[in-house]
């Protein structure tokens, strides 16, 4: 994902098992245990990545 963009997966009905690996352009990685399931979102910042519950406003 570029710094200007992102992605949302709609109509996902299954959980994706972990680990979930975020790789930054400079090669650094952040690994999350997972799973990520419907109703959650993966939020990626400049230095962090985290799984959050969706607020319903997304």
Protein backbone atom coordinates (compact mmCIF):
# COMPACT_ATOMS: atom_id res chain seq x y z
CA UNK A 1 0.00 0.00 0.00
CA UNK A 2 1.33 3.43 -0.83
CA UNK A 3 1.50 6.28 1.68
CA UNK A 4 -1.40 7.94 -0.13
CA UNK A 5 -3.70 4.92 -0.26
CA UNK A 6 -5.18 1.91 1.37
CA UNK A 7 -7.49 -0.98 0.78
CA UNK A 8 -10.75 -2.22 2.24
CA UNK A 9 -11.96 -5.78 1.67
CA UNK A 10 -15.76 -5.77 1.50
CA UNK A 11 -17.91 -8.88 1.77
CA UNK A 12 -15.19 -10.87 3.51
CA UNK A 13 -16.88 -13.69 5.41
CA UNK A 14 -13.91 -15.76 6.59
CA UNK A 15 -11.10 -15.07 9.03
CA UNK A 16 -7.53 -14.95 7.75
CA UNK A 17 -5.24 -16.82 10.14
CA UNK A 18 -2.00 -15.24 11.31
CA UNK A 19 0.61 -14.32 11.23
CA UNK A 20 -0.19 -11.13 9.36
CA UNK A 21 3.02 -9.53 8.13
CA UNK A 22 3.23 -5.86 7.14
CA UNK A 23 6.35 -5.01 5.13
CA UNK A 24 7.37 -1.37 4.80
CA UNK A 25 9.12 0.03 1.72
CA UNK A 26 12.49 0.16 3.51
CA UNK A 27 12.20 -3.57 4.28
CA UNK A 28 11.19 -3.37 7.96
CA UNK A 29 8.41 -5.76 8.95
CA UNK A 30 5.75 -5.82 11.66
CA UNK A 31 4.17 -9.19 12.45
CA UNK A 32 0.75 -9.52 14.06
CA UNK A 33 -0.51 -12.80 15.51
CA UNK A 34 -3.92 -12.59 13.85
CA UNK A 35 -6.38 -13.80 12.87
CA UNK A 36 -8.12 -10.88 11.18
CA UNK A 37 -11.84 -11.46 10.86
CA UNK A 38 -14.88 -9.67 9.47
CA UNK A 39 -15.62 -6.70 11.70
CA UNK A 40 -11.93 -5.92 12.20
CA UNK A 41 -9.62 -3.64 10.31
CA UNK A 42 -5.87 -3.55 9.85
CA UNK A 43 -4.59 -0.04 10.57
CA UNK A 44 -1.08 0.71 9.33
CA UNK A 45 0.82 3.79 10.44
CA UNK A 46 4.33 5.03 9.75
CA UNK A 47 5.77 2.93 12.57
CA UNK A 48 2.96 0.64 13.75
CA UNK A 49 0.38 -1.84 12.55
CA UNK A 50 -2.57 -3.00 14.63
CA UNK A 51 -5.83 -4.89 14.41
CA UNK A 52 -8.86 -2.91 15.56
CA UNK A 53 -12.56 -3.59 15.79
CA UNK A 54 -14.52 -1.76 13.13
CA UNK A 55 -16.56 1.19 14.38
CA UNK A 56 -19.38 0.69 11.89
CA UNK A 57 -18.55 4.05 10.29
CA UNK A 58 -15.92 2.61 7.93
